[in-house]
Amino acid sequence: MILNFQGHLQAITALGWHALEVERNVTVAVEYFEKAYKRGSPEAAHNLGHIYYSGLYPGKPADTVSHMVDDQ
């Protein structure tokens, strides 16, 4: 269940953290973090990046920086 805190970015981000770390529900965490990110939360952006980079983002493979490194 996603709650609406009408722009309270810290509360929305905290709910995302709780979903991720306590409930172990990445899908719900991503929903909260995306909601906060769209309202300008840098913490939510960081958390989404970490989830994506770790390969936990629902429906998306892990991102690595290896494609940006020149092997020469």
PDB file of N, CA and C in Angstrom:
ATOM      1  N   MET A   1       0.842  -1.177   0.000  1.00  0.00           N
ATOM      2  CA  MET A   1       0.000   0.000   0.000  1.00  0.00           C
ATOM      3  C   MET A   1       0.889   1.242   0.000  1.00  0.00           C
ATOM      4  N   ILE A   2       0.717   2.080  -0.983  1.00  0.00           N
ATOM      5  CA  ILE A   2       1.485   3.311  -1.099  1.00  0.00           C
ATOM      6  C   ILE A   2       0.667   4.459  -0.519  1.00  0.00           C
ATOM      7  N   LEU A   3       1.255   5.166   0.425  1.00  0.00           N
ATOM      8  CA  LEU A   3       0.583   6.306   1.043  1.00  0.00           C
ATOM      9  C   LEU A   3       1.004   7.582   0.328  1.00  0.00           C
ATOM     10  N   ASN A   4       0.186   8.595   0.425  1.00  0.00           N
ATOM     11  CA  ASN A   4       0.485   9.872  -0.208  1.00  0.00           C
ATOM     12  C   ASN A   4       0.694  10.920   0.869  1.00  0.00           C
ATOM     13  N   PHE A   5       1.899  11.454   0.955  1.00  0.00           N
ATOM     14  CA  PHE A   5       2.209  12.468   1.937  1.00  0.00           C
ATOM     15  C   PHE A   5       2.308  13.848   1.323  1.00  0.00           C
ATOM     16  N   GLN A   6       1.761  14.032   0.155  1.00  0.00           N
ATOM     17  CA  GLN A   6       1.614  15.317  -0.516  1.00  0.00           C
ATOM     18  C   GLN A   6       2.852  16.201  -0.437  1.00  0.00           C
ATOM     19  N   GLY A   7       3.979  15.669  -0.866  1.00  0.00           N
ATOM     20  CA  GLY A   7       5.153  16.495  -0.982  1.00  0.00           C
ATOM     21  C   GLY A   7       6.114  16.469   0.184  1.00  0.00           C
ATOM     22  N   HIS A   8       5.847  15.713   1.202  1.00  0.00           N
ATOM     23  CA  HIS A   8       6.772  15.611   2.319  1.00  0.00           C
ATOM     24  C   HIS A   8       7.881  14.637   1.934  1.00  0.00           C
ATOM     25  N   LEU A   9       8.889  15.180   1.290  1.00  0.00           N
ATOM     26  CA  LEU A   9       9.929  14.349   0.684  1.00  0.00           C
ATOM     27  C   LEU A   9      10.648  13.454   1.675  1.00  0.00           C
ATOM     28  N   GLN A  10      10.947  13.963   2.829  1.00  0.00           N
ATOM     29  CA  GLN A  10      11.654  13.149   3.814  1.00  0.00           C
ATOM     30  C   GLN A  10      10.800  11.969   4.265  1.00  0.00           C
ATOM     31  N   ALA A  11       9.494  12.196   4.429  1.00  0.00           N
ATOM     32  CA  ALA A  11       8.602  11.113   4.841  1.00  0.00           C
ATOM     33  C   ALA A  11       8.474  10.061   3.752  1.00  0.00           C
ATOM     34  N   ILE A  12       8.344  10.510   2.520  1.00  0.00           N
ATOM     35  CA  ILE A  12       8.219   9.569   1.398  1.00  0.00           C
ATOM     36  C   ILE A  12       9.508   8.759   1.252  1.00  0.00           C
ATOM     37  N   THR A  13      10.647   9.429   1.361  1.00  0.00           N
ATOM     38  CA  THR A  13      11.931   8.743   1.255  1.00  0.00           C
ATOM     39  C   THR A  13      12.116   7.775   2.421  1.00  0.00           C
ATOM     40  N   ALA A  14      11.707   8.178   3.613  1.00  0.00           N
ATOM     41  CA  ALA A  14      11.818   7.293   4.779  1.00  0.00           C
ATOM     42  C   ALA A  14      10.955   6.045   4.606  1.00  0.00           C
ATOM     43  N   LEU A  15       9.778   6.201   4.018  1.00  0.00           N
ATOM     44  CA  LEU A  15       8.931   5.037   3.765  1.00  0.00           C
ATOM     45  C   LEU A  15       9.587   4.098   2.751  1.00  0.00           C
ATOM     46  N   GLY A  16      10.262   4.675   1.764  1.00  0.00           N
ATOM     47  CA  GLY A  16      11.001   3.855   0.811  1.00  0.00           C
ATOM     48  C   GLY A  16      12.116   3.090   1.488  1.00  0.00           C
ATOM     49  N   TRP A  17      12.845   3.760   2.359  1.00  0.00           N
ATOM     50  CA  TRP A  17      13.913   3.102   3.098  1.00  0.00           C
ATOM     51  C   TRP A  17      13.355   1.975   3.961  1.00  0.00           C
ATOM     52  N   HIS A  18      12.229   2.240   4.637  1.00  0.00           N
ATOM     53  CA  HIS A  18      11.599   1.217   5.484  1.00  0.00           C
ATOM     54  C   HIS A  18      11.177   0.009   4.642  1.00  0.00           C
ATOM     55  N   ALA A  19      10.584   0.267   3.492  1.00  0.00           N
ATOM     56  CA  ALA A  19      10.169  -0.831   2.610  1.00  0.00           C
ATOM     57  C   ALA A  19      11.379  -1.649   2.167  1.00  0.00           C
ATOM     58  N   LEU A  20      12.485  -0.970   1.891  1.00  0.00           N
ATOM     59  CA  LEU A  20      13.680  -1.662   1.407  1.00  0.00           C
ATOM     60  C   LEU A  20      14.390  -2.421   2.523  1.00  0.00           C
ATOM     61  N   GLU A  21      14.650  -1.761   3.623  1.00  0.00           N
ATOM     62  CA  GLU A  21      15.497  -2.336   4.667  1.00  0.00           C
ATOM     63  C   GLU A  21      14.752  -3.183   5.700  1.00  0.00           C
ATOM     64  N   VAL A  22      13.523  -2.841   6.013  1.00  0.00           N
ATOM     65  CA  VAL A  22      12.783  -3.570   7.041  1.00  0.00           C
ATOM     66  C   VAL A  22      11.873  -4.617   6.418  1.00  0.00           C
ATOM     67  N   GLU A  23      11.076  -4.190   5.447  1.00  0.00           N
ATOM     68  CA  GLU A  23      10.137  -5.110   4.812  1.00  0.00           C
ATOM     69  C   GLU A  23      10.785  -5.962   3.731  1.00  0.00           C
ATOM     70  N   ARG A  24      11.961  -5.536   3.256  1.00  0.00           N
ATOM     71  CA  ARG A  24      12.665  -6.217   2.158  1.00  0.00           C
ATOM     72  C   ARG A  24      11.800  -6.307   0.906  1.00  0.00           C
ATOM     73  N   ASN A  25      11.079  -5.218   0.627  1.00  0.00           N
ATOM     74  CA  ASN A  25      10.192  -5.149  -0.532  1.00  0.00           C
ATOM     75  C   ASN A  25      10.731  -4.070  -1.476  1.00  0.00           C
ATOM     76  N   VAL A  26      11.552  -4.501  -2.419  1.00  0.00           N
ATOM     77  CA  VAL A  26      12.210  -3.560  -3.329  1.00  0.00           C
ATOM     78  C   VAL A  26      11.190  -2.858  -4.219  1.00  0.00           C
ATOM     79  N   THR A  27      10.167  -3.560  -4.642  1.00  0.00           N
ATOM     80  CA  THR A  27       9.169  -2.957  -5.532  1.00  0.00           C
ATOM     81  C   THR A  27       8.479  -1.770  -4.868  1.00  0.00           C
ATOM     82  N   VAL A  28       8.068  -1.932  -3.639  1.00  0.00           N
ATOM     83  CA  VAL A  28       7.411  -0.836  -2.916  1.00  0.00           C
ATOM     84  C   VAL A  28       8.417   0.278  -2.638  1.00  0.00           C
ATOM     85  N   ALA A  29       9.637  -0.091  -2.278  1.00  0.00           N
ATOM     86  CA  ALA A  29      10.673   0.918  -2.021  1.00  0.00           C
ATOM     87  C   ALA A  29      10.894   1.784  -3.254  1.00  0.00           C
ATOM     88  N   VAL A  30      10.993   1.147  -4.415  1.00  0.00           N
ATOM     89  CA  VAL A  30      11.206   1.892  -5.654  1.00  0.00           C
ATOM     90  C   VAL A  30      10.035   2.835  -5.922  1.00  0.00           C
ATOM     91  N   GLU A  31       8.833   2.402  -5.652  1.00  0.00           N
ATOM     92  CA  GLU A  31       7.670   3.278  -5.859  1.00  0.00           C
ATOM     93  C   GLU A  31       7.776   4.527  -4.992  1.00  0.00           C
ATOM     94  N   TYR A  32       8.139   4.364  -3.725  1.00  0.00           N
ATOM     95  CA  TYR A  32       8.297   5.529  -2.846  1.00  0.00           C
ATOM     96  C   TYR A  32       9.461   6.406  -3.304  1.00  0.00           C
ATOM     97  N   PHE A  33      10.601   5.790  -3.607  1.00  0.00           N
ATOM     98  CA  PHE A  33      11.755   6.573  -4.030  1.00  0.00           C
ATOM     99  C   PHE A  33      11.483   7.323  -5.328  1.00  0.00           C
ATOM    100  N   GLU A  34      10.783   6.695  -6.264  1.00  0.00           N
ATOM    101  CA  GLU A  34      10.449   7.388  -7.516  1.00  0.00           C
ATOM    102  C   GLU A  34       9.524   8.563  -7.265  1.00  0.00           C
ATOM    103  N   LYS A  35       8.582   8.385  -6.363  1.00  0.00           N
ATOM    104  CA  LYS A  35       7.663   9.480  -6.025  1.00  0.00           C
ATOM    105  C   LYS A  35       8.446  10.659  -5.428  1.00  0.00           C
ATOM    106  N   ALA A  36       9.356  10.366  -4.517  1.00  0.00           N
ATOM    107  CA  ALA A  36      10.156  11.427  -3.900  1.00  0.00           C
ATOM    108  C   ALA A  36      11.132  12.047  -4.906  1.00  0.00           C
ATOM    109  N   TYR A  37      11.726  11.211  -5.755  1.00  0.00           N
ATOM    110  CA  TYR A  37      12.657  11.706  -6.768  1.00  0.00           C
ATOM    111  C   TYR A  37      11.969  12.685  -7.713  1.00  0.00           C
ATOM    112  N   LYS A  38      10.766  12.362  -8.123  1.00  0.00           N
ATOM    113  CA  LYS A  38      10.022  13.242  -9.038  1.00  0.00           C
ATOM    114  C   LYS A  38       9.687  14.580  -8.396  1.00  0.00           C
ATOM    115  N   ARG A  39       9.738  14.637  -7.075  1.00  0.00           N
ATOM    116  CA  ARG A  39       9.483  15.888  -6.362  1.00  0.00           C
ATOM    117  C   ARG A  39      10.783  16.581  -5.944  1.00  0.00           C
ATOM    118  N   GLY A  40      11.927  16.013  -6.379  1.00  0.00           N
ATOM    119  CA  GLY A  40      13.198  16.690  -6.168  1.00  0.00           C
ATOM    120  C   GLY A  40      14.073  16.193  -5.035  1.00  0.00           C
ATOM    121  N   SER A  41      13.854  15.006  -4.524  1.00  0.00           N
ATOM    122  CA  SER A  41      14.652  14.501  -3.417  1.00  0.00           C
ATOM    123  C   SER A  41      15.977  13.908  -3.889  1.00  0.00           C
ATOM    124  N   PRO A  42      17.106  14.515  -3.481  1.00  0.00           N
ATOM    125  CA  PRO A  42      18.398  13.942  -3.853  1.00  0.00           C
ATOM    126  C   PRO A  42      18.656  12.599  -3.165  1.00  0.00           C
ATOM    127  N   GLU A  43      18.124  12.408  -1.950  1.00  0.00           N
ATOM    128  CA  GLU A  43      18.290  11.137  -1.250  1.00  0.00           C
ATOM    129  C   GLU A  43      17.587  10.014  -2.008  1.00  0.00           C
ATOM    130  N   ALA A  44      16.403  10.301  -2.514  1.00  0.00           N
ATOM    131  CA  ALA A  44      15.667   9.302  -3.290  1.00  0.00           C
ATOM    132  C   ALA A  44      16.407   8.965  -4.575  1.00  0.00           C
ATOM    133  N   ALA A  45      16.993   9.981  -5.210  1.00  0.00           N
ATOM    134  CA  ALA A  45      17.769   9.745  -6.429  1.00  0.00           C
ATOM    135  C   ALA A  45      18.955   8.835  -6.129  1.00  0.00           C
ATOM    136  N   HIS A  46      19.620   9.093  -5.022  1.00  0.00           N
ATOM    137  CA  HIS A  46      20.749   8.257  -4.610  1.00  0.00           C
ATOM    138  C   HIS A  46      20.304   6.815  -4.379  1.00  0.00           C
ATOM    139  N   ASN A  47      19.215   6.642  -3.660  1.00  0.00           N
ATOM    140  CA  ASN A  47      18.722   5.298  -3.360  1.00  0.00           C
ATOM    141  C   ASN A  47      18.307   4.552  -4.627  1.00  0.00           C
ATOM    142  N   LEU A  48      17.652   5.238  -5.540  1.00  0.00           N
ATOM    143  CA  LEU A  48      17.286   4.609  -6.811  1.00  0.00           C
ATOM    144  C   LEU A  48      18.523   4.198  -7.590  1.00  0.00           C
ATOM    145  N   GLY A  49      19.526   5.056  -7.600  1.00  0.00           N
ATOM    146  CA  GLY A  49      20.772   4.721  -8.284  1.00  0.00           C
ATOM    147  C   GLY A  49      21.440   3.510  -7.685  1.00  0.00           C
ATOM    148  N   HIS A  50      21.448   3.433  -6.363  1.00  0.00           N
ATOM    149  CA  HIS A  50      22.048   2.293  -5.687  1.00  0.00           C
ATOM    150  C   HIS A  50      21.281   1.002  -6.004  1.00  0.00           C
ATOM    151  N   ILE A  51      19.965   1.074  -5.969  1.00  0.00           N
ATOM    152  CA  ILE A  51      19.139  -0.099  -6.279  1.00  0.00           C
ATOM    153  C   ILE A  51      19.382  -0.546  -7.719  1.00  0.00           C
ATOM    154  N   TYR A  52      19.426   0.403  -8.632  1.00  0.00           N
ATOM    155  CA  TYR A  52      19.640   0.087 -10.043  1.00  0.00           C
ATOM    156  C   TYR A  52      21.025  -0.511 -10.260  1.00  0.00           C
ATOM    157  N   TYR A  53      22.033   0.134  -9.684  1.00  0.00           N
ATOM    158  CA  TYR A  53      23.414  -0.329  -9.853  1.00  0.00           C
ATOM    159  C   TYR A  53      23.611  -1.728  -9.261  1.00  0.00           C
ATOM    160  N   SER A  54      22.908  -2.010  -8.176  1.00  0.00           N
ATOM    161  CA  SER A  54      23.025  -3.310  -7.502  1.00  0.00           C
ATOM    162  C   SER A  54      22.281  -4.428  -8.209  1.00  0.00           C
ATOM    163  N   GLY A  55      21.495  -4.077  -9.217  1.00  0.00           N
ATOM    164  CA  GLY A  55      20.728  -5.102  -9.930  1.00  0.00           C
ATOM    165  C   GLY A  55      19.440  -5.483  -9.237  1.00  0.00           C
ATOM    166  N   LEU A  56      18.995  -4.663  -8.298  1.00  0.00           N
ATOM    167  CA  LEU A  56      17.773  -4.958  -7.555  1.00  0.00           C
ATOM    168  C   LEU A  56      16.538  -4.278  -8.130  1.00  0.00           C
ATOM    169  N   TYR A  57      16.761  -3.343  -9.059  1.00  0.00           N
ATOM    170  CA  TYR A  57      15.640  -2.585  -9.621  1.00  0.00           C
ATOM    171  C   TYR A  57      14.707  -3.540 -10.362  1.00  0.00           C
ATOM    172  N   PRO A  58      13.432  -3.578  -9.994  1.00  0.00           N
ATOM    173  CA  PRO A  58      12.498  -4.529 -10.610  1.00  0.00           C
ATOM    174  C   PRO A  58      12.449  -4.397 -12.134  1.00  0.00           C
ATOM    175  N   GLY A  59      12.750  -5.493 -12.808  1.00  0.00           N
ATOM    176  CA  GLY A  59      12.636  -5.538 -14.257  1.00  0.00           C
ATOM    177  C   GLY A  59      13.815  -4.978 -15.028  1.00  0.00           C
ATOM    178  N   LYS A  60      14.889  -4.588 -14.337  1.00  0.00           N
ATOM    179  CA  LYS A  60      16.038  -4.020 -15.034  1.00  0.00           C
ATOM    180  C   LYS A  60      17.313  -4.713 -14.572  1.00  0.00           C
ATOM    181  N   PRO A  61      18.229  -4.972 -15.504  1.00  0.00           N
ATOM    182  CA  PRO A  61      19.493  -5.609 -15.117  1.00  0.00           C
ATOM    183  C   PRO A  61      20.398  -4.634 -14.379  1.00  0.00           C
ATOM    184  N   ALA A  62      21.392  -5.172 -13.712  1.00  0.00           N
ATOM    185  CA  ALA A  62      22.358  -4.335 -12.992  1.00  0.00           C
ATOM    186  C   ALA A  62      23.103  -3.447 -13.982  1.00  0.00           C
ATOM    187  N   ASP A  63      23.400  -2.245 -13.551  1.00  0.00           N
ATOM    188  CA  ASP A  63      24.172  -1.317 -14.362  1.00  0.00           C
ATOM    189  C   ASP A  63      25.606  -1.348 -13.850  1.00  0.00           C
ATOM    190  N   THR A  64      26.541  -1.365 -14.749  1.00  0.00           N
ATOM    191  CA  THR A  64      27.937  -1.297 -14.341  1.00  0.00           C
ATOM    192  C   THR A  64      28.617  -0.183 -15.099  1.00  0.00           C
ATOM    193  N   VAL A  65      29.707   0.276 -14.561  1.00  0.00           N
ATOM    194  CA  VAL A  65      30.449   1.342 -15.226  1.00  0.00           C
ATOM    195  C   VAL A  65      31.433   0.770 -16.234  1.00  0.00           C
ATOM    196  N   SER A  66      31.500  -0.531 -16.361  1.00  0.00           N
ATOM    197  CA  SER A  66      32.476  -1.139 -17.251  1.00  0.00           C
ATOM    198  C   SER A  66      32.298  -0.696 -18.702  1.00  0.00           C
ATOM    199  N   HIS A  67      31.069  -0.379 -19.105  1.00  0.00           N
ATOM    200  CA  HIS A  67      30.867   0.045 -20.479  1.00  0.00           C
ATOM    201  C   HIS A  67      31.419   1.453 -20.724  1.00  0.00           C
ATOM    202  N   MET A  68      31.756   2.176 -19.665  1.00  0.00           N
ATOM    203  CA  MET A  68      32.281   3.516 -19.830  1.00  0.00           C
ATOM    204  C   MET A  68      33.806   3.545 -19.748  1.00  0.00           C
ATOM    205  N   VAL A  69      34.408   2.439 -19.375  1.00  0.00           N
ATOM    206  CA  VAL A  69      35.854   2.388 -19.199  1.00  0.00           C
ATOM    207  C   VAL A  69      36.507   1.969 -20.514  1.00  0.00           C
ATOM    208  N   ASP A  70      37.500   2.733 -20.919  1.00  0.00           N
ATOM    209  CA  ASP A  70      38.244   2.413 -22.141  1.00  0.00           C
ATOM    210  C   ASP A  70      39.309   1.392 -21.802  1.00  0.00           C
ATOM    211  N   ASP A  71      39.262   0.224 -22.433  1.00  0.00           N
ATOM    212  CA  ASP A  71      40.194  -0.874 -22.152  1.00  0.00           C
ATOM    213  C   ASP A  71      41.564  -0.688 -22.789  1.00  0.00           C
ATOM    214  N   GLN A  72      41.828   0.412 -23.412  1.00  0.00           N
ATOM    215  CA  GLN A  72      43.114   0.606 -24.087  1.00  0.00           C
ATOM    216  C   GLN A  72      44.199   0.983 -23.143  1.00  0.00           C
TER     217      GLN A  72
END
